[in-house]
Amino acid sequence: MFSLEYKLAIVTEYENAPNGEKGAILRREGLYSSHVIEWTRARDAGALSNGPADPATPSKRPKKTAEQVELEKLRRRNAKLEADLTKTRLALDIMGKAHALLEELSESAENDEPPTTS
């Protein structure tokens, strides 16, 4: 079973995550979206509250600030764009070499005399 603190932390993290990140949270924790839906309904109904929280008791995971979430998102995007740029440069290099090869083949074909038939 999951503790109340864990359920509340996951619901909060899930709700604060951008749409593309929600599945990653579920995979990381080994959960299904039905868990989060059920826990959200329980929280909204007041079933997950166990009285006032004790500020001296730390939660399992510290909550991320909006700036931290945005920074992580931008770092992931930057890494993806860097990878895309590397692929594009490699493709352009290959296309340049292929173009040079085709030019060379075309020039050599123009210089050859066509075979004569008897």
N, C-alpha and C. Protein backbone atom coordinates (compact mmCIF):
# COMPACT_ATOMS: atom_id res chain seq x y z
N MET A 1 0.83 -1.18 0.00
CA MET A 1 0.00 0.00 0.00
C MET A 1 0.88 1.25 0.00
N PHE A 2 0.33 2.33 -0.46
CA PHE A 2 1.03 3.60 -0.54
C PHE A 2 0.63 4.48 0.65
N SER A 3 1.59 5.21 1.17
CA SER A 3 1.30 6.10 2.29
C SER A 3 0.54 7.32 1.80
N LEU A 4 -0.14 7.99 2.74
CA LEU A 4 -0.86 9.20 2.39
C LEU A 4 0.07 10.27 1.83
N GLU A 5 1.25 10.40 2.46
CA GLU A 5 2.22 11.40 2.01
C GLU A 5 2.67 11.12 0.58
N TYR A 6 2.92 9.85 0.29
CA TYR A 6 3.36 9.47 -1.05
C TYR A 6 2.27 9.80 -2.08
N LYS A 7 1.03 9.43 -1.76
CA LYS A 7 -0.07 9.68 -2.69
C LYS A 7 -0.22 11.17 -2.96
N LEU A 8 -0.19 11.96 -1.90
CA LEU A 8 -0.32 13.41 -2.07
C LEU A 8 0.85 13.99 -2.87
N ALA A 9 2.06 13.50 -2.60
CA ALA A 9 3.23 14.00 -3.34
C ALA A 9 3.13 13.67 -4.82
N ILE A 10 2.71 12.46 -5.14
CA ILE A 10 2.60 12.04 -6.54
C ILE A 10 1.49 12.84 -7.24
N VAL A 11 0.35 13.01 -6.58
CA VAL A 11 -0.76 13.77 -7.18
C VAL A 11 -0.29 15.20 -7.47
N THR A 12 0.40 15.79 -6.51
CA THR A 12 0.88 17.16 -6.69
C THR A 12 1.89 17.25 -7.83
N GLU A 13 2.85 16.33 -7.84
CA GLU A 13 3.86 16.34 -8.90
C GLU A 13 3.22 16.12 -10.26
N TYR A 14 2.27 15.19 -10.33
CA TYR A 14 1.58 14.87 -11.57
C TYR A 14 0.80 16.08 -12.08
N GLU A 15 0.10 16.75 -11.18
CA GLU A 15 -0.69 17.91 -11.59
C GLU A 15 0.18 19.08 -12.02
N ASN A 16 1.36 19.22 -11.45
CA ASN A 16 2.25 20.33 -11.79
C ASN A 16 3.12 20.05 -13.01
N ALA A 17 3.15 18.81 -13.46
CA ALA A 17 3.99 18.45 -14.60
C ALA A 17 3.34 18.90 -15.90
N PRO A 18 4.16 19.32 -16.88
CA PRO A 18 3.60 19.63 -18.21
C PRO A 18 3.02 18.36 -18.82
N ASN A 19 2.12 18.52 -19.78
CA ASN A 19 1.42 17.37 -20.35
C ASN A 19 2.36 16.28 -20.87
N GLY A 20 3.45 16.63 -21.49
CA GLY A 20 4.36 15.62 -22.02
C GLY A 20 5.17 14.90 -20.97
N GLU A 21 5.15 15.37 -19.74
CA GLU A 21 5.97 14.80 -18.68
C GLU A 21 5.19 13.87 -17.76
N LYS A 22 3.90 13.86 -17.84
CA LYS A 22 3.09 13.10 -16.90
C LYS A 22 3.33 11.59 -17.03
N GLY A 23 3.46 11.12 -18.25
CA GLY A 23 3.72 9.70 -18.45
C GLY A 23 5.05 9.27 -17.87
N ALA A 24 6.04 10.17 -17.92
CA ALA A 24 7.36 9.84 -17.36
C ALA A 24 7.27 9.65 -15.85
N ILE A 25 6.45 10.43 -15.19
CA ILE A 25 6.27 10.27 -13.74
C ILE A 25 5.66 8.91 -13.44
N LEU A 26 4.63 8.55 -14.20
CA LEU A 26 3.98 7.26 -13.99
C LEU A 26 4.94 6.10 -14.23
N ARG A 27 5.74 6.19 -15.30
CA ARG A 27 6.71 5.12 -15.58
C ARG A 27 7.76 5.04 -14.49
N ARG A 28 8.26 6.20 -14.06
CA ARG A 28 9.30 6.23 -13.03
C ARG A 28 8.82 5.58 -11.74
N GLU A 29 7.57 5.82 -11.39
CA GLU A 29 7.03 5.32 -10.13
C GLU A 29 6.37 3.95 -10.27
N GLY A 30 6.21 3.48 -11.50
CA GLY A 30 5.56 2.19 -11.73
C GLY A 30 4.07 2.24 -11.43
N LEU A 31 3.44 3.35 -11.78
CA LEU A 31 2.02 3.56 -11.50
C LEU A 31 1.22 3.61 -12.79
N TYR A 32 -0.10 3.52 -12.63
CA TYR A 32 -1.02 3.71 -13.74
C TYR A 32 -1.75 5.04 -13.54
N SER A 33 -2.26 5.58 -14.62
CA SER A 33 -2.99 6.84 -14.51
C SER A 33 -4.21 6.68 -13.61
N SER A 34 -4.77 5.46 -13.55
CA SER A 34 -5.94 5.23 -12.69
C SER A 34 -5.59 5.45 -11.21
N HIS A 35 -4.32 5.16 -10.84
CA HIS A 35 -3.90 5.43 -9.46
C HIS A 35 -4.04 6.93 -9.16
N VAL A 36 -3.49 7.74 -10.05
CA VAL A 36 -3.50 9.19 -9.83
C VAL A 36 -4.93 9.71 -9.84
N ILE A 37 -5.75 9.21 -10.74
CA ILE A 37 -7.15 9.64 -10.79
C ILE A 37 -7.85 9.31 -9.48
N GLU A 38 -7.67 8.09 -9.02
CA GLU A 38 -8.30 7.64 -7.77
C GLU A 38 -7.81 8.49 -6.59
N TRP A 39 -6.49 8.72 -6.52
CA TRP A 39 -5.93 9.49 -5.42
C TRP A 39 -6.37 10.96 -5.48
N THR A 40 -6.50 11.49 -6.70
CA THR A 40 -6.97 12.88 -6.83
C THR A 40 -8.40 13.00 -6.34
N ARG A 41 -9.24 12.05 -6.71
CA ARG A 41 -10.64 12.08 -6.24
C ARG A 41 -10.70 11.94 -4.72
N ALA A 42 -9.87 11.06 -4.17
CA ALA A 42 -9.85 10.89 -2.72
C ALA A 42 -9.37 12.17 -2.03
N ARG A 43 -8.37 12.81 -2.60
CA ARG A 43 -7.87 14.07 -2.03
C ARG A 43 -8.93 15.14 -2.07
N ASP A 44 -9.60 15.25 -3.22
CA ASP A 44 -10.64 16.27 -3.38
C ASP A 44 -11.82 16.02 -2.44
N ALA A 45 -12.08 14.75 -2.13
CA ALA A 45 -13.16 14.40 -1.21
C ALA A 45 -12.73 14.53 0.24
N GLY A 46 -11.43 14.79 0.47
CA GLY A 46 -10.93 14.95 1.83
C GLY A 46 -10.47 13.66 2.48
N ALA A 47 -10.46 12.56 1.73
CA ALA A 47 -10.08 11.27 2.30
C ALA A 47 -8.58 11.13 2.47
N LEU A 48 -7.78 11.94 1.78
CA LEU A 48 -6.33 11.81 1.89
C LEU A 48 -5.73 12.78 2.91
N SER A 49 -6.57 13.60 3.52
CA SER A 49 -6.01 14.52 4.51
C SER A 49 -6.00 13.84 5.87
N ASN A 50 -4.88 13.95 6.55
CA ASN A 50 -4.76 13.31 7.86
C ASN A 50 -4.53 14.37 8.92
N GLY A 51 -5.24 15.48 8.80
CA GLY A 51 -5.07 16.55 9.76
C GLY A 51 -4.00 17.50 9.29
N PRO A 52 -3.65 18.48 10.12
CA PRO A 52 -2.62 19.44 9.71
C PRO A 52 -1.27 18.77 9.58
N ALA A 53 -0.56 19.13 8.53
CA ALA A 53 0.76 18.53 8.29
C ALA A 53 1.76 19.08 9.28
N ASP A 54 2.66 18.23 9.73
CA ASP A 54 3.71 18.63 10.66
C ASP A 54 4.88 19.16 9.83
N PRO A 55 5.23 20.44 9.94
CA PRO A 55 6.31 20.99 9.11
C PRO A 55 7.67 20.39 9.45
N ALA A 56 7.81 19.75 10.60
CA ALA A 56 9.09 19.15 10.97
C ALA A 56 9.30 17.82 10.25
N THR A 57 8.24 17.24 9.72
CA THR A 57 8.34 15.96 9.02
C THR A 57 8.58 16.22 7.54
N PRO A 58 9.77 15.89 7.05
CA PRO A 58 10.05 16.14 5.63
C PRO A 58 9.32 15.12 4.76
N SER A 59 8.90 15.56 3.58
CA SER A 59 8.28 14.64 2.63
C SER A 59 9.38 13.81 1.97
N LYS A 60 8.96 12.75 1.28
CA LYS A 60 9.94 11.86 0.65
C LYS A 60 10.75 12.57 -0.42
N ARG A 61 10.09 13.42 -1.20
CA ARG A 61 10.77 14.16 -2.26
C ARG A 61 10.50 15.64 -2.09
N PRO A 62 11.53 16.43 -2.20
CA PRO A 62 11.28 17.87 -2.12
C PRO A 62 10.53 18.33 -3.36
N LYS A 63 9.61 19.26 -3.16
CA LYS A 63 8.84 19.78 -4.30
C LYS A 63 9.72 20.69 -5.13
N LYS A 64 9.54 20.59 -6.43
CA LYS A 64 10.32 21.42 -7.35
C LYS A 64 9.60 22.74 -7.55
N THR A 65 10.40 23.77 -7.62
CA THR A 65 9.83 25.08 -7.89
C THR A 65 9.50 25.17 -9.38
N ALA A 66 8.72 26.16 -9.73
CA ALA A 66 8.36 26.35 -11.14
C ALA A 66 9.61 26.60 -11.98
N GLU A 67 10.58 27.31 -11.39
CA GLU A 67 11.83 27.58 -12.12
C GLU A 67 12.62 26.30 -12.37
N GLN A 68 12.63 25.40 -11.38
CA GLN A 68 13.35 24.14 -11.55
C GLN A 68 12.69 23.27 -12.62
N VAL A 69 11.37 23.24 -12.61
CA VAL A 69 10.63 22.47 -13.62
C VAL A 69 10.92 23.03 -15.01
N GLU A 70 10.86 24.36 -15.12
CA GLU A 70 11.12 25.02 -16.41
C GLU A 70 12.55 24.77 -16.87
N LEU A 71 13.51 24.85 -15.94
CA LEU A 71 14.91 24.61 -16.27
C LEU A 71 15.12 23.19 -16.78
N GLU A 72 14.52 22.20 -16.11
CA GLU A 72 14.64 20.82 -16.57
C GLU A 72 14.04 20.65 -17.96
N LYS A 73 12.89 21.27 -18.18
CA LYS A 73 12.23 21.19 -19.48
C LYS A 73 13.12 21.80 -20.57
N LEU A 74 13.71 22.96 -20.28
CA LEU A 74 14.57 23.62 -21.26
C LEU A 74 15.84 22.82 -21.51
N ARG A 75 16.38 22.19 -20.48
CA ARG A 75 17.58 21.36 -20.67
C ARG A 75 17.28 20.16 -21.55
N ARG A 76 16.12 19.52 -21.33
CA ARG A 76 15.75 18.38 -22.18
C ARG A 76 15.55 18.84 -23.63
N ARG A 77 14.90 19.98 -23.80
CA ARG A 77 14.67 20.51 -25.16
C ARG A 77 16.00 20.84 -25.82
N ASN A 78 16.91 21.47 -25.08
CA ASN A 78 18.22 21.81 -25.61
C ASN A 78 18.98 20.55 -26.05
N ALA A 79 18.93 19.51 -25.23
CA ALA A 79 19.61 18.25 -25.58
C ALA A 79 19.02 17.66 -26.85
N LYS A 80 17.69 17.72 -26.99
CA LYS A 80 17.04 17.19 -28.19
C LYS A 80 17.45 18.00 -29.42
N LEU A 81 17.47 19.32 -29.28
CA LEU A 81 17.84 20.16 -30.40
C LEU A 81 19.31 19.96 -30.79
N GLU A 82 20.18 19.75 -29.81
CA GLU A 82 21.59 19.47 -30.10
C GLU A 82 21.72 18.17 -30.88
N ALA A 83 20.96 17.15 -30.47
CA ALA A 83 20.99 15.87 -31.18
C ALA A 83 20.47 16.04 -32.61
N ASP A 84 19.39 16.81 -32.77
CA ASP A 84 18.84 17.07 -34.11
C ASP A 84 19.85 17.81 -34.98
N LEU A 85 20.56 18.77 -34.41
CA LEU A 85 21.57 19.53 -35.15
C LEU A 85 22.70 18.61 -35.60
N THR A 86 23.13 17.72 -34.73
CA THR A 86 24.19 16.77 -35.09
C THR A 86 23.75 15.89 -36.25
N LYS A 87 22.50 15.40 -36.20
CA LYS A 87 21.97 14.56 -37.28
C LYS A 87 21.91 15.35 -38.59
N THR A 88 21.46 16.60 -38.51
CA THR A 88 21.34 17.43 -39.71
C THR A 88 22.71 17.67 -40.33
N ARG A 89 23.70 17.98 -39.50
CA ARG A 89 25.06 18.20 -40.02
C ARG A 89 25.60 16.95 -40.68
N LEU A 90 25.37 15.80 -40.08
CA LEU A 90 25.82 14.54 -40.65
C LEU A 90 25.13 14.29 -42.00
N ALA A 91 23.83 14.54 -42.06
CA ALA A 91 23.09 14.34 -43.30
C ALA A 91 23.59 15.28 -44.39
N LEU A 92 23.88 16.53 -44.04
CA LEU A 92 24.40 17.47 -45.04
C LEU A 92 25.78 17.05 -45.53
N ASP A 93 26.60 16.54 -44.64
CA ASP A 93 27.92 16.06 -45.03
C ASP A 93 27.80 14.89 -46.02
N ILE A 94 26.89 13.98 -45.71
CA ILE A 94 26.67 12.82 -46.60
C ILE A 94 26.13 13.29 -47.94
N MET A 95 25.20 14.23 -47.94
CA MET A 95 24.64 14.74 -49.19
C MET A 95 25.71 15.44 -50.03
N GLY A 96 26.60 16.17 -49.38
CA GLY A 96 27.69 16.83 -50.10
C GLY A 96 28.61 15.83 -50.77
N LYS A 97 28.94 14.77 -50.04
CA LYS A 97 29.80 13.72 -50.61
C LYS A 97 29.10 13.00 -51.75
N ALA A 98 27.82 12.74 -51.60
CA ALA A 98 27.07 12.07 -52.67
C ALA A 98 27.00 12.96 -53.91
N HIS A 99 26.80 14.25 -53.70
CA HIS A 99 26.76 15.19 -54.83
C HIS A 99 28.11 15.20 -55.56
N ALA A 100 29.20 15.25 -54.81
CA ALA A 100 30.52 15.26 -55.43
C ALA A 100 30.76 13.96 -56.21
N LEU A 101 30.34 12.84 -55.66
CA LEU A 101 30.50 11.56 -56.34
C LEU A 101 29.69 11.52 -57.63
N LEU A 102 28.45 12.00 -57.59
CA LEU A 102 27.62 12.01 -58.79
C LEU A 102 28.18 12.94 -59.85
N GLU A 103 28.74 14.08 -59.44
CA GLU A 103 29.38 14.98 -60.39
C GLU A 103 30.56 14.30 -61.07
N GLU A 104 31.35 13.62 -60.28
CA GLU A 104 32.53 12.93 -60.82
C GLU A 104 32.11 11.83 -61.79
N LEU A 105 31.07 11.08 -61.45
CA LEU A 105 30.58 10.02 -62.34
C LEU A 105 30.01 10.62 -63.63
N SER A 106 29.32 11.75 -63.50
CA SER A 106 28.75 12.40 -64.68
C SER A 106 29.84 12.88 -65.62
N GLU A 107 30.91 13.48 -65.06
CA GLU A 107 32.01 13.96 -65.90
C GLU A 107 32.73 12.80 -66.58
N SER A 108 32.91 11.72 -65.87
CA SER A 108 33.61 10.59 -66.48
C SER A 108 32.74 9.94 -67.56
N ALA A 109 31.42 9.99 -67.39
CA ALA A 109 30.53 9.42 -68.41
C ALA A 109 30.52 10.29 -69.66
N GLU A 110 30.65 11.60 -69.49
CA GLU A 110 30.67 12.50 -70.65
C GLU A 110 31.97 12.34 -71.44
N ASN A 111 33.04 12.01 -70.78
CA ASN A 111 34.33 11.86 -71.45
C ASN A 111 34.46 10.53 -72.18
N ASP A 112 33.71 9.54 -71.75
CA ASP A 112 33.78 8.24 -72.43
C ASP A 112 33.00 8.30 -73.74
N GLU A 113 33.55 7.63 -74.76
CA GLU A 113 32.87 7.56 -76.03
C GLU A 113 31.86 6.43 -75.98
N PRO A 114 30.71 6.63 -76.56
CA PRO A 114 29.72 5.54 -76.55
C PRO A 114 30.24 4.39 -77.40
N PRO A 115 29.89 3.19 -77.02
CA PRO A 115 30.36 2.03 -77.78
C PRO A 115 29.72 2.03 -79.17
N THR A 116 30.53 1.61 -80.16
CA THR A 116 30.03 1.57 -81.53
C THR A 116 29.59 0.15 -81.83
N THR A 117 28.52 0.05 -82.59
CA THR A 117 28.02 -1.29 -82.96
C THR A 117 28.38 -1.55 -84.42
N SER A 118 28.72 -2.77 -84.71
CA SER A 118 29.12 -3.09 -86.07
C SER A 118 27.98 -3.63 -86.85
